[in-house]
Amino acid sequence: MTETTTQQTPSPKPSTNNSGVTVGKPETPQSVFVGMALDMSWRLALVVLIPIIGSYELDSRLGTTPLVTIVGFVIAMVGFGLVLWRTTQVASQTPTPKARSVNPTEIKKEKQA
């Protein structure tokens, strides 16, 4: 009687790098999306709030009420466009993790169980 054995490769264990970030853990499409959305959110907050608040404060100290605030608003909108453009460029180059492939026979076994 011949016994066949299949070699199983050990699954890689997640490890942490020097900064404490987990490396080697498979990413899901949802985690990639959430990460990119959070990254874009803080960039947009900085790019929009700093020029508008700074120009408003500068305007109130100089006494040129609408002029500098309008310039700050235009700078904020240009920055907004650049952040969106950069995020779409990064998103289009990011490989999307594939969902695990399921063998049709495994689905039948799960339904029978």
PDB file of N, CA and C in Angstrom:
ATOM      1  N   MET A   1       0.828  -1.149   0.000  1.00  0.00           N
ATOM      2  CA  MET A   1       0.000   0.000   0.000  1.00  0.00           C
ATOM      3  C   MET A   1       0.893   1.239   0.000  1.00  0.00           C
ATOM      4  N   THR A   2       0.624   2.123  -0.920  1.00  0.00           N
ATOM      5  CA  THR A   2       1.440   3.323  -1.049  1.00  0.00           C
ATOM      6  C   THR A   2       0.703   4.505  -0.439  1.00  0.00           C
ATOM      7  N   GLU A   3       1.398   5.201   0.357  1.00  0.00           N
ATOM      8  CA  GLU A   3       0.781   6.359   1.008  1.00  0.00           C
ATOM      9  C   GLU A   3       1.353   7.613   0.369  1.00  0.00           C
ATOM     10  N   THR A   4       0.462   8.447  -0.119  1.00  0.00           N
ATOM     11  CA  THR A   4       0.923   9.694  -0.731  1.00  0.00           C
ATOM     12  C   THR A   4       0.804  10.818   0.286  1.00  0.00           C
ATOM     13  N   THR A   5       1.782  11.633   0.285  1.00  0.00           N
ATOM     14  CA  THR A   5       1.762  12.785   1.196  1.00  0.00           C
ATOM     15  C   THR A   5       1.877  14.057   0.381  1.00  0.00           C
ATOM     16  N   THR A   6       1.181  15.013   0.796  1.00  0.00           N
ATOM     17  CA  THR A   6       1.283  16.313   0.140  1.00  0.00           C
ATOM     18  C   THR A   6       2.100  17.229   1.028  1.00  0.00           C
ATOM     19  N   GLN A   7       2.951  17.963   0.394  1.00  0.00           N
ATOM     20  CA  GLN A   7       3.754  18.906   1.153  1.00  0.00           C
ATOM     21  C   GLN A   7       2.984  20.200   1.302  1.00  0.00           C
ATOM     22  N   GLN A   8       2.865  20.607   2.517  1.00  0.00           N
ATOM     23  CA  GLN A   8       2.183  21.868   2.781  1.00  0.00           C
ATOM     24  C   GLN A   8       3.219  22.901   3.158  1.00  0.00           C
ATOM     25  N   THR A   9       3.117  24.033   2.503  1.00  0.00           N
ATOM     26  CA  THR A   9       4.044  25.107   2.852  1.00  0.00           C
ATOM     27  C   THR A   9       3.477  25.826   4.068  1.00  0.00           C
ATOM     28  N   PRO A  10       4.305  26.107   5.029  1.00  0.00           N
ATOM     29  CA  PRO A  10       3.805  26.794   6.215  1.00  0.00           C
ATOM     30  C   PRO A  10       3.363  28.204   5.857  1.00  0.00           C
ATOM     31  N   SER A  11       2.257  28.618   6.437  1.00  0.00           N
ATOM     32  CA  SER A  11       1.768  29.964   6.162  1.00  0.00           C
ATOM     33  C   SER A  11       2.691  30.967   6.842  1.00  0.00           C
ATOM     34  N   PRO A  12       2.953  32.087   6.159  1.00  0.00           N
ATOM     35  CA  PRO A  12       3.852  33.066   6.752  1.00  0.00           C
ATOM     36  C   PRO A  12       3.225  33.689   7.991  1.00  0.00           C
ATOM     37  N   LYS A  13       4.035  33.774   9.022  1.00  0.00           N
ATOM     38  CA  LYS A  13       3.539  34.374  10.258  1.00  0.00           C
ATOM     39  C   LYS A  13       3.699  35.882  10.180  1.00  0.00           C
ATOM     40  N   PRO A  14       2.664  36.627  10.580  1.00  0.00           N
ATOM     41  CA  PRO A  14       2.811  38.073  10.577  1.00  0.00           C
ATOM     42  C   PRO A  14       3.894  38.491  11.563  1.00  0.00           C
ATOM     43  N   SER A  15       4.700  39.429  11.161  1.00  0.00           N
ATOM     44  CA  SER A  15       5.737  39.952  12.043  1.00  0.00           C
ATOM     45  C   SER A  15       5.626  41.468  12.066  1.00  0.00           C
ATOM     46  N   THR A  16       6.325  42.079  12.979  1.00  0.00           N
ATOM     47  CA  THR A  16       6.292  43.533  13.063  1.00  0.00           C
ATOM     48  C   THR A  16       7.652  44.083  12.691  1.00  0.00           C
ATOM     49  N   ASN A  17       7.635  45.234  12.032  1.00  0.00           N
ATOM     50  CA  ASN A  17       8.901  45.859  11.690  1.00  0.00           C
ATOM     51  C   ASN A  17       9.329  46.792  12.818  1.00  0.00           C
ATOM     52  N   ASN A  18      10.366  47.573  12.594  1.00  0.00           N
ATOM     53  CA  ASN A  18      10.915  48.432  13.648  1.00  0.00           C
ATOM     54  C   ASN A  18       9.929  49.475  14.154  1.00  0.00           C
ATOM     55  N   SER A  19       8.998  49.920  13.309  1.00  0.00           N
ATOM     56  CA  SER A  19       8.044  50.944  13.739  1.00  0.00           C
ATOM     57  C   SER A  19       6.785  50.349  14.351  1.00  0.00           C
ATOM     58  N   GLY A  20       6.714  49.028  14.488  1.00  0.00           N
ATOM     59  CA  GLY A  20       5.572  48.390  15.130  1.00  0.00           C
ATOM     60  C   GLY A  20       4.428  48.066  14.189  1.00  0.00           C
ATOM     61  N   VAL A  21       4.624  48.238  12.888  1.00  0.00           N
ATOM     62  CA  VAL A  21       3.579  47.955  11.913  1.00  0.00           C
ATOM     63  C   VAL A  21       3.617  46.471  11.574  1.00  0.00           C
ATOM     64  N   THR A  22       2.452  45.847  11.530  1.00  0.00           N
ATOM     65  CA  THR A  22       2.371  44.420  11.222  1.00  0.00           C
ATOM     66  C   THR A  22       2.670  44.208   9.746  1.00  0.00           C
ATOM     67  N   VAL A  23       3.595  43.305   9.473  1.00  0.00           N
ATOM     68  CA  VAL A  23       4.018  43.012   8.117  1.00  0.00           C
ATOM     69  C   VAL A  23       3.676  41.567   7.822  1.00  0.00           C
ATOM     70  N   GLY A  24       3.234  41.289   6.610  1.00  0.00           N
ATOM     71  CA  GLY A  24       2.972  39.923   6.218  1.00  0.00           C
ATOM     72  C   GLY A  24       1.518  39.507   6.378  1.00  0.00           C
ATOM     73  N   LYS A  25       0.676  40.386   6.867  1.00  0.00           N
ATOM     74  CA  LYS A  25      -0.736  40.070   7.025  1.00  0.00           C
ATOM     75  C   LYS A  25      -1.449  40.434   5.725  1.00  0.00           C
ATOM     76  N   PRO A  26      -2.246  39.527   5.183  1.00  0.00           N
ATOM     77  CA  PRO A  26      -2.916  39.837   3.921  1.00  0.00           C
ATOM     78  C   PRO A  26      -3.933  40.951   4.097  1.00  0.00           C
ATOM     79  N   GLU A  27      -3.941  41.859   3.134  1.00  0.00           N
ATOM     80  CA  GLU A  27      -4.884  42.970   3.184  1.00  0.00           C
ATOM     81  C   GLU A  27      -6.144  42.610   2.420  1.00  0.00           C
ATOM     82  N   THR A  28      -7.253  43.093   2.907  1.00  0.00           N
ATOM     83  CA  THR A  28      -8.508  42.921   2.203  1.00  0.00           C
ATOM     84  C   THR A  28      -8.786  44.188   1.407  1.00  0.00           C
ATOM     85  N   PRO A  29      -9.618  44.114   0.380  1.00  0.00           N
ATOM     86  CA  PRO A  29      -9.949  45.324  -0.368  1.00  0.00           C
ATOM     87  C   PRO A  29     -10.558  46.406   0.530  1.00  0.00           C
ATOM     88  N   GLN A  30     -11.313  45.996   1.547  1.00  0.00           N
ATOM     89  CA  GLN A  30     -11.918  46.968   2.451  1.00  0.00           C
ATOM     90  C   GLN A  30     -10.859  47.710   3.256  1.00  0.00           C
ATOM     91  N   SER A  31      -9.827  46.999   3.710  1.00  0.00           N
ATOM     92  CA  SER A  31      -8.792  47.658   4.494  1.00  0.00           C
ATOM     93  C   SER A  31      -7.966  48.605   3.635  1.00  0.00           C
ATOM     94  N   VAL A  32      -7.758  48.259   2.374  1.00  0.00           N
ATOM     95  CA  VAL A  32      -7.049  49.157   1.461  1.00  0.00           C
ATOM     96  C   VAL A  32      -7.870  50.425   1.259  1.00  0.00           C
ATOM     97  N   PHE A  33      -9.176  50.276   1.047  1.00  0.00           N
ATOM     98  CA  PHE A  33     -10.050  51.433   0.848  1.00  0.00           C
ATOM     99  C   PHE A  33     -10.083  52.336   2.073  1.00  0.00           C
ATOM    100  N   VAL A  34     -10.224  51.755   3.243  1.00  0.00           N
ATOM    101  CA  VAL A  34     -10.280  52.546   4.475  1.00  0.00           C
ATOM    102  C   VAL A  34      -8.965  53.280   4.695  1.00  0.00           C
ATOM    103  N   GLY A  35      -7.861  52.617   4.448  1.00  0.00           N
ATOM    104  CA  GLY A  35      -6.564  53.255   4.603  1.00  0.00           C
ATOM    105  C   GLY A  35      -6.382  54.433   3.665  1.00  0.00           C
ATOM    106  N   MET A  36      -6.783  54.267   2.424  1.00  0.00           N
ATOM    107  CA  MET A  36      -6.662  55.371   1.462  1.00  0.00           C
ATOM    108  C   MET A  36      -7.622  56.503   1.794  1.00  0.00           C
ATOM    109  N   ALA A  37      -8.813  56.172   2.279  1.00  0.00           N
ATOM    110  CA  ALA A  37      -9.781  57.218   2.639  1.00  0.00           C
ATOM    111  C   ALA A  37      -9.285  58.027   3.841  1.00  0.00           C
ATOM    112  N   LEU A  38      -8.705  57.358   4.827  1.00  0.00           N
ATOM    113  CA  LEU A  38      -8.163  58.072   5.986  1.00  0.00           C
ATOM    114  C   LEU A  38      -6.977  58.947   5.596  1.00  0.00           C
ATOM    115  N   ASP A  39      -6.131  58.445   4.721  1.00  0.00           N
ATOM    116  CA  ASP A  39      -4.994  59.224   4.257  1.00  0.00           C
ATOM    117  C   ASP A  39      -5.467  60.481   3.527  1.00  0.00           C
ATOM    118  N   MET A  40      -6.456  60.320   2.652  1.00  0.00           N
ATOM    119  CA  MET A  40      -6.972  61.466   1.915  1.00  0.00           C
ATOM    120  C   MET A  40      -7.676  62.451   2.846  1.00  0.00           C
ATOM    121  N   SER A  41      -8.326  61.968   3.875  1.00  0.00           N
ATOM    122  CA  SER A  41      -9.070  62.840   4.790  1.00  0.00           C
ATOM    123  C   SER A  41      -8.158  63.802   5.527  1.00  0.00           C
ATOM    124  N   TRP A  42      -7.065  63.305   6.097  1.00  0.00           N
ATOM    125  CA  TRP A  42      -6.206  64.219   6.842  1.00  0.00           C
ATOM    126  C   TRP A  42      -5.472  65.174   5.910  1.00  0.00           C
ATOM    127  N   ARG A  43      -5.160  64.725   4.694  1.00  0.00           N
ATOM    128  CA  ARG A  43      -4.525  65.631   3.725  1.00  0.00           C
ATOM    129  C   ARG A  43      -5.482  66.746   3.322  1.00  0.00           C
ATOM    130  N   LEU A  44      -6.738  66.393   3.081  1.00  0.00           N
ATOM    131  CA  LEU A  44      -7.721  67.412   2.712  1.00  0.00           C
ATOM    132  C   LEU A  44      -7.947  68.399   3.846  1.00  0.00           C
ATOM    133  N   ALA A  45      -7.981  67.899   5.077  1.00  0.00           N
ATOM    134  CA  ALA A  45      -8.181  68.790   6.217  1.00  0.00           C
ATOM    135  C   ALA A  45      -7.065  69.826   6.286  1.00  0.00           C
ATOM    136  N   LEU A  46      -5.830  69.393   6.121  1.00  0.00           N
ATOM    137  CA  LEU A  46      -4.712  70.332   6.168  1.00  0.00           C
ATOM    138  C   LEU A  46      -4.722  71.302   4.995  1.00  0.00           C
ATOM    139  N   VAL A  47      -4.951  70.777   3.793  1.00  0.00           N
ATOM    140  CA  VAL A  47      -4.877  71.595   2.594  1.00  0.00           C
ATOM    141  C   VAL A  47      -6.002  72.626   2.537  1.00  0.00           C
ATOM    142  N   VAL A  48      -7.142  72.323   3.098  1.00  0.00           N
ATOM    143  CA  VAL A  48      -8.269  73.254   3.043  1.00  0.00           C
ATOM    144  C   VAL A  48      -8.292  74.189   4.252  1.00  0.00           C
ATOM    145  N   LEU A  49      -8.103  73.664   5.436  1.00  0.00           N
ATOM    146  CA  LEU A  49      -8.255  74.485   6.639  1.00  0.00           C
ATOM    147  C   LEU A  49      -7.128  75.501   6.836  1.00  0.00           C
ATOM    148  N   ILE A  50      -5.903  75.115   6.588  1.00  0.00           N
ATOM    149  CA  ILE A  50      -4.789  76.030   6.840  1.00  0.00           C
ATOM    150  C   ILE A  50      -4.869  77.289   5.973  1.00  0.00           C
ATOM    151  N   PRO A  51      -5.058  77.204   4.652  1.00  0.00           N
ATOM    152  CA  PRO A  51      -5.147  78.444   3.868  1.00  0.00           C
ATOM    153  C   PRO A  51      -6.365  79.304   4.221  1.00  0.00           C
ATOM    154  N   ILE A  52      -7.514  78.677   4.477  1.00  0.00           N
ATOM    155  CA  ILE A  52      -8.717  79.468   4.747  1.00  0.00           C
ATOM    156  C   ILE A  52      -8.618  80.144   6.113  1.00  0.00           C
ATOM    157  N   ILE A  53      -8.251  79.401   7.146  1.00  0.00           N
ATOM    158  CA  ILE A  53      -8.151  79.998   8.489  1.00  0.00           C
ATOM    159  C   ILE A  53      -7.012  81.014   8.527  1.00  0.00           C
ATOM    160  N   GLY A  54      -5.874  80.675   7.917  1.00  0.00           N
ATOM    161  CA  GLY A  54      -4.746  81.603   7.896  1.00  0.00           C
ATOM    162  C   GLY A  54      -5.059  82.885   7.158  1.00  0.00           C
ATOM    163  N   SER A  55      -5.734  82.786   6.034  1.00  0.00           N
ATOM    164  CA  SER A  55      -6.070  84.002   5.281  1.00  0.00           C
ATOM    165  C   SER A  55      -7.120  84.837   6.005  1.00  0.00           C
ATOM    166  N   TYR A  56      -8.044  84.195   6.702  1.00  0.00           N
ATOM    167  CA  TYR A  56      -9.044  84.941   7.470  1.00  0.00           C
ATOM    168  C   TYR A  56      -8.377  85.715   8.607  1.00  0.00           C
ATOM    169  N   GLU A  57      -7.458  85.062   9.317  1.00  0.00           N
ATOM    170  CA  GLU A  57      -6.746  85.735  10.414  1.00  0.00           C
ATOM    171  C   GLU A  57      -5.885  86.868   9.879  1.00  0.00           C
ATOM    172  N   LEU A  58      -5.202  86.632   8.777  1.00  0.00           N
ATOM    173  CA  LEU A  58      -4.377  87.673   8.175  1.00  0.00           C
ATOM    174  C   LEU A  58      -5.238  88.839   7.696  1.00  0.00           C
ATOM    175  N   ASP A  59      -6.389  88.518   7.160  1.00  0.00           N
ATOM    176  CA  ASP A  59      -7.325  89.541   6.685  1.00  0.00           C
ATOM    177  C   ASP A  59      -7.828  90.405   7.832  1.00  0.00           C
ATOM    178  N   SER A  60      -8.156  89.780   8.955  1.00  0.00           N
ATOM    179  CA  SER A  60      -8.675  90.559  10.085  1.00  0.00           C
ATOM    180  C   SER A  60      -7.586  91.436  10.707  1.00  0.00           C
ATOM    181  N   ARG A  61      -6.329  91.024  10.669  1.00  0.00           N
ATOM    182  CA  ARG A  61      -5.245  91.837  11.228  1.00  0.00           C
ATOM    183  C   ARG A  61      -4.842  92.972  10.300  1.00  0.00           C
ATOM    184  N   LEU A  62      -4.923  92.730   8.990  1.00  0.00           N
ATOM    185  CA  LEU A  62      -4.546  93.766   8.032  1.00  0.00           C
ATOM    186  C   LEU A  62      -5.696  94.712   7.715  1.00  0.00           C
ATOM    187  N   GLY A  63      -6.920  94.288   7.975  1.00  0.00           N
ATOM    188  CA  GLY A  63      -8.089  95.119   7.694  1.00  0.00           C
ATOM    189  C   GLY A  63      -8.522  95.092   6.238  1.00  0.00           C
ATOM    190  N   THR A  64      -8.086  94.133   5.470  1.00  0.00           N
ATOM    191  CA  THR A  64      -8.499  94.000   4.058  1.00  0.00           C
ATOM    192  C   THR A  64      -9.505  92.869   3.951  1.00  0.00           C
ATOM    193  N   THR A  65     -10.649  93.055   4.566  1.00  0.00           N
ATOM    194  CA  THR A  65     -11.601  91.987   4.845  1.00  0.00           C
ATOM    195  C   THR A  65     -11.806  90.945   3.752  1.00  0.00           C
ATOM    196  N   PRO A  66     -12.280  91.211   2.550  1.00  0.00           N
ATOM    197  CA  PRO A  66     -12.552  90.049   1.685  1.00  0.00           C
ATOM    198  C   PRO A  66     -11.369  89.594   0.841  1.00  0.00           C
ATOM    199  N   LEU A  67     -10.373  90.428   0.656  1.00  0.00           N
ATOM    200  CA  LEU A  67      -9.342  90.157  -0.353  1.00  0.00           C
ATOM    201  C   LEU A  67      -8.484  88.927  -0.031  1.00  0.00           C
ATOM    202  N   VAL A  68      -7.843  88.884   1.085  1.00  0.00           N
ATOM    203  CA  VAL A  68      -6.924  87.786   1.402  1.00  0.00           C
ATOM    204  C   VAL A  68      -7.700  86.486   1.652  1.00  0.00           C
ATOM    205  N   THR A  69      -8.911  86.596   2.187  1.00  0.00           N
ATOM    206  CA  THR A  69      -9.725  85.395   2.405  1.00  0.00           C
ATOM    207  C   THR A  69     -10.088  84.732   1.082  1.00  0.00           C
ATOM    208  N   ILE A  70     -10.376  85.522   0.077  1.00  0.00           N
ATOM    209  CA  ILE A  70     -10.692  84.969  -1.249  1.00  0.00           C
ATOM    210  C   ILE A  70      -9.465  84.287  -1.838  1.00  0.00           C
ATOM    211  N   VAL A  71      -8.297  84.890  -1.681  1.00  0.00           N
ATOM    212  CA  VAL A  71      -7.060  84.277  -2.171  1.00  0.00           C
ATOM    213  C   VAL A  71      -6.811  82.958  -1.431  1.00  0.00           C
ATOM    214  N   GLY A  72      -7.030  82.938  -0.126  1.00  0.00           N
ATOM    215  CA  GLY A  72      -6.869  81.707   0.648  1.00  0.00           C
ATOM    216  C   GLY A  72      -7.841  80.627   0.205  1.00  0.00           C
ATOM    217  N   PHE A  73      -9.065  81.027  -0.129  1.00  0.00           N
ATOM    218  CA  PHE A  73     -10.062  80.070  -0.611  1.00  0.00           C
ATOM    219  C   PHE A  73      -9.625  79.466  -1.945  1.00  0.00           C
ATOM    220  N   VAL A  74      -9.094  80.299  -2.837  1.00  0.00           N
ATOM    221  CA  VAL A  74      -8.628  79.797  -4.136  1.00  0.00           C
ATOM    222  C   VAL A  74      -7.454  78.838  -3.941  1.00  0.00           C
ATOM    223  N   ILE A  75      -6.532  79.193  -3.055  1.00  0.00           N
ATOM    224  CA  ILE A  75      -5.402  78.301  -2.768  1.00  0.00           C
ATOM    225  C   ILE A  75      -5.907  76.973  -2.203  1.00  0.00           C
ATOM    226  N   ALA A  76      -6.919  77.022  -1.335  1.00  0.00           N
ATOM    227  CA  ALA A  76      -7.482  75.805  -0.752  1.00  0.00           C
ATOM    228  C   ALA A  76      -8.128  74.930  -1.827  1.00  0.00           C
ATOM    229  N   MET A  77      -8.810  75.528  -2.782  1.00  0.00           N
ATOM    230  CA  MET A  77      -9.465  74.744  -3.831  1.00  0.00           C
ATOM    231  C   MET A  77      -8.441  74.106  -4.768  1.00  0.00           C
ATOM    232  N   VAL A  78      -7.354  74.821  -5.057  1.00  0.00           N
ATOM    233  CA  VAL A  78      -6.293  74.232  -5.881  1.00  0.00           C
ATOM    234  C   VAL A  78      -5.661  73.059  -5.128  1.00  0.00           C
ATOM    235  N   GLY A  79      -5.391  73.231  -3.852  1.00  0.00           N
ATOM    236  CA  GLY A  79      -4.848  72.136  -3.039  1.00  0.00           C
ATOM    237  C   GLY A  79      -5.792  70.957  -2.969  1.00  0.00           C
ATOM    238  N   PHE A  80      -7.088  71.232  -2.862  1.00  0.00           N
ATOM    239  CA  PHE A  80      -8.113  70.184  -2.842  1.00  0.00           C
ATOM    240  C   PHE A  80      -8.044  69.354  -4.118  1.00  0.00           C
ATOM    241  N   GLY A  81      -7.947  70.035  -5.249  1.00  0.00           N
ATOM    242  CA  GLY A  81      -7.854  69.336  -6.528  1.00  0.00           C
ATOM    243  C   GLY A  81      -6.593  68.500  -6.633  1.00  0.00           C
ATOM    244  N   LEU A  82      -5.476  69.034  -6.147  1.00  0.00           N
ATOM    245  CA  LEU A  82      -4.219  68.294  -6.198  1.00  0.00           C
ATOM    246  C   LEU A  82      -4.262  67.045  -5.308  1.00  0.00           C
ATOM    247  N   VAL A  83      -4.863  67.161  -4.125  1.00  0.00           N
ATOM    248  CA  VAL A  83      -4.970  65.994  -3.240  1.00  0.00           C
ATOM    249  C   VAL A  83      -5.850  64.918  -3.880  1.00  0.00           C
ATOM    250  N   LEU A  84      -6.963  65.318  -4.467  1.00  0.00           N
ATOM    251  CA  LEU A  84      -7.829  64.334  -5.134  1.00  0.00           C
ATOM    252  C   LEU A  84      -7.122  63.691  -6.317  1.00  0.00           C
ATOM    253  N   TRP A  85      -6.403  64.488  -7.102  1.00  0.00           N
ATOM    254  CA  TRP A  85      -5.693  63.950  -8.259  1.00  0.00           C
ATOM    255  C   TRP A  85      -4.628  62.961  -7.808  1.00  0.00           C
ATOM    256  N   ARG A  86      -3.860  63.330  -6.789  1.00  0.00           N
ATOM    257  CA  ARG A  86      -2.795  62.455  -6.289  1.00  0.00           C
ATOM    258  C   ARG A  86      -3.379  61.153  -5.718  1.00  0.00           C
ATOM    259  N   THR A  87      -4.491  61.260  -5.011  1.00  0.00           N
ATOM    260  CA  THR A  87      -5.104  60.062  -4.434  1.00  0.00           C
ATOM    261  C   THR A  87      -5.602  59.121  -5.521  1.00  0.00           C
ATOM    262  N   THR A  88      -6.193  59.664  -6.577  1.00  0.00           N
ATOM    263  CA  THR A  88      -6.661  58.795  -7.662  1.00  0.00           C
ATOM    264  C   THR A  88      -5.484  58.160  -8.401  1.00  0.00           C
ATOM    265  N   GLN A  89      -4.363  58.876  -8.522  1.00  0.00           N
ATOM    266  CA  GLN A  89      -3.179  58.294  -9.156  1.00  0.00           C
ATOM    267  C   GLN A  89      -2.634  57.133  -8.328  1.00  0.00           C
ATOM    268  N   VAL A  90      -2.566  57.312  -7.022  1.00  0.00           N
ATOM    269  CA  VAL A  90      -2.071  56.240  -6.149  1.00  0.00           C
ATOM    270  C   VAL A  90      -3.044  55.068  -6.150  1.00  0.00           C
ATOM    271  N   ALA A  91      -4.345  55.360  -6.125  1.00  0.00           N
ATOM    272  CA  ALA A  91      -5.353  54.294  -6.103  1.00  0.00           C
ATOM    273  C   ALA A  91      -5.322  53.474  -7.387  1.00  0.00           C
ATOM    274  N   SER A  92      -5.068  54.118  -8.510  1.00  0.00           N
ATOM    275  CA  SER A  92      -5.047  53.373  -9.767  1.00  0.00           C
ATOM    276  C   SER A  92      -3.796  52.504  -9.894  1.00  0.00           C
ATOM    277  N   GLN A  93      -2.731  52.828  -9.156  1.00  0.00           N
ATOM    278  CA  GLN A  93      -1.514  52.030  -9.217  1.00  0.00           C
ATOM    279  C   GLN A  93      -1.443  50.974  -8.119  1.00  0.00           C
ATOM    280  N   THR A  94      -2.335  51.060  -7.131  1.00  0.00           N
ATOM    281  CA  THR A  94      -2.326  50.107  -6.028  1.00  0.00           C
ATOM    282  C   THR A  94      -2.957  48.794  -6.471  1.00  0.00           C
ATOM    283  N   PRO A  95      -2.247  47.686  -6.316  1.00  0.00           N
ATOM    284  CA  PRO A  95      -2.851  46.401  -6.688  1.00  0.00           C
ATOM    285  C   PRO A  95      -3.972  46.043  -5.718  1.00  0.00           C
ATOM    286  N   THR A  96      -5.061  45.586  -6.268  1.00  0.00           N
ATOM    287  CA  THR A  96      -6.195  45.198  -5.444  1.00  0.00           C
ATOM    288  C   THR A  96      -6.028  43.753  -5.012  1.00  0.00           C
ATOM    289  N   PRO A  97      -6.109  43.500  -3.703  1.00  0.00           N
ATOM    290  CA  PRO A  97      -5.993  42.108  -3.263  1.00  0.00           C
ATOM    291  C   PRO A  97      -7.181  41.295  -3.766  1.00  0.00           C
ATOM    292  N   LYS A  98      -6.899  40.103  -4.196  1.00  0.00           N
ATOM    293  CA  LYS A  98      -7.945  39.217  -4.712  1.00  0.00           C
ATOM    294  C   LYS A  98      -8.653  38.520  -3.561  1.00  0.00           C
ATOM    295  N   ALA A  99      -9.935  38.311  -3.744  1.00  0.00           N
ATOM    296  CA  ALA A  99     -10.678  37.499  -2.775  1.00  0.00           C
ATOM    297  C   ALA A  99     -10.211  36.057  -2.952  1.00  0.00           C
ATOM    298  N   ARG A 100     -10.265  35.295  -1.870  1.00  0.00           N
ATOM    299  CA  ARG A 100      -9.780  33.914  -1.978  1.00  0.00           C
ATOM    300  C   ARG A 100     -10.671  33.138  -2.937  1.00  0.00           C
ATOM    301  N   SER A 101     -10.039  32.324  -3.742  1.00  0.00           N
ATOM    302  CA  SER A 101     -10.808  31.520  -4.684  1.00  0.00           C
ATOM    303  C   SER A 101     -11.344  30.297  -3.958  1.00  0.00           C
ATOM    304  N   VAL A 102     -12.580  29.964  -4.256  1.00  0.00           N
ATOM    305  CA  VAL A 102     -13.231  28.833  -3.600  1.00  0.00           C
ATOM    306  C   VAL A 102     -13.493  27.763  -4.642  1.00  0.00           C
ATOM    307  N   ASN A 103     -13.112  26.575  -4.297  1.00  0.00           N
ATOM    308  CA  ASN A 103     -13.340  25.424  -5.158  1.00  0.00           C
ATOM    309  C   ASN A 103     -14.832  25.073  -5.093  1.00  0.00           C
ATOM    310  N   PRO A 104     -15.508  24.873  -6.233  1.00  0.00           N
ATOM    311  CA  PRO A 104     -16.937  24.548  -6.207  1.00  0.00           C
ATOM    312  C   PRO A 104     -17.268  23.313  -5.380  1.00  0.00           C
ATOM    313  N   THR A 105     -16.357  22.354  -5.303  1.00  0.00           N
ATOM    314  CA  THR A 105     -16.637  21.160  -4.497  1.00  0.00           C
ATOM    315  C   THR A 105     -16.659  21.509  -3.010  1.00  0.00           C
ATOM    316  N   GLU A 106     -15.885  22.511  -2.596  1.00  0.00           N
ATOM    317  CA  GLU A 106     -15.901  22.931  -1.202  1.00  0.00           C
ATOM    318  C   GLU A 106     -17.235  23.570  -0.842  1.00  0.00           C
ATOM    319  N   ILE A 107     -17.818  24.294  -1.776  1.00  0.00           N
ATOM    320  CA  ILE A 107     -19.124  24.909  -1.523  1.00  0.00           C
ATOM    321  C   ILE A 107     -20.180  23.828  -1.341  1.00  0.00           C
ATOM    322  N   LYS A 108     -20.125  22.793  -2.172  1.00  0.00           N
ATOM    323  CA  LYS A 108     -21.097  21.702  -2.049  1.00  0.00           C
ATOM    324  C   LYS A 108     -20.943  20.994  -0.712  1.00  0.00           C
ATOM    325  N   LYS A 109     -19.686  20.796  -0.274  1.00  0.00           N
ATOM    326  CA  LYS A 109     -19.450  20.142   1.012  1.00  0.00           C
ATOM    327  C   LYS A 109     -19.979  20.983   2.166  1.00  0.00           C
ATOM    328  N   GLU A 110     -19.827  22.294   2.075  1.00  0.00           N
ATOM    329  CA  GLU A 110     -20.315  23.177   3.143  1.00  0.00           C
ATOM    330  C   GLU A 110     -21.845  23.157   3.202  1.00  0.00           C
ATOM    331  N   LYS A 111     -22.488  23.085   2.068  1.00  0.00           N
ATOM    332  CA  LYS A 111     -23.948  23.061   2.036  1.00  0.00           C
ATOM    333  C   LYS A 111     -24.481  21.747   2.601  1.00  0.00           C
ATOM    334  N   GLN A 112     -23.757  20.648   2.357  1.00  0.00           N
ATOM    335  CA  GLN A 112     -24.198  19.355   2.836  1.00  0.00           C
ATOM    336  C   GLN A 112     -23.981  19.206   4.342  1.00  0.00           C
ATOM    337  N   ALA A 113     -23.012  19.873   4.861  1.00  0.00           N
ATOM    338  CA  ALA A 113     -22.692  19.730   6.287  1.00  0.00           C
ATOM    339  C   ALA A 113     -23.655  20.446   7.197  1.00  0.00           C
TER     340      ALA A 113
END
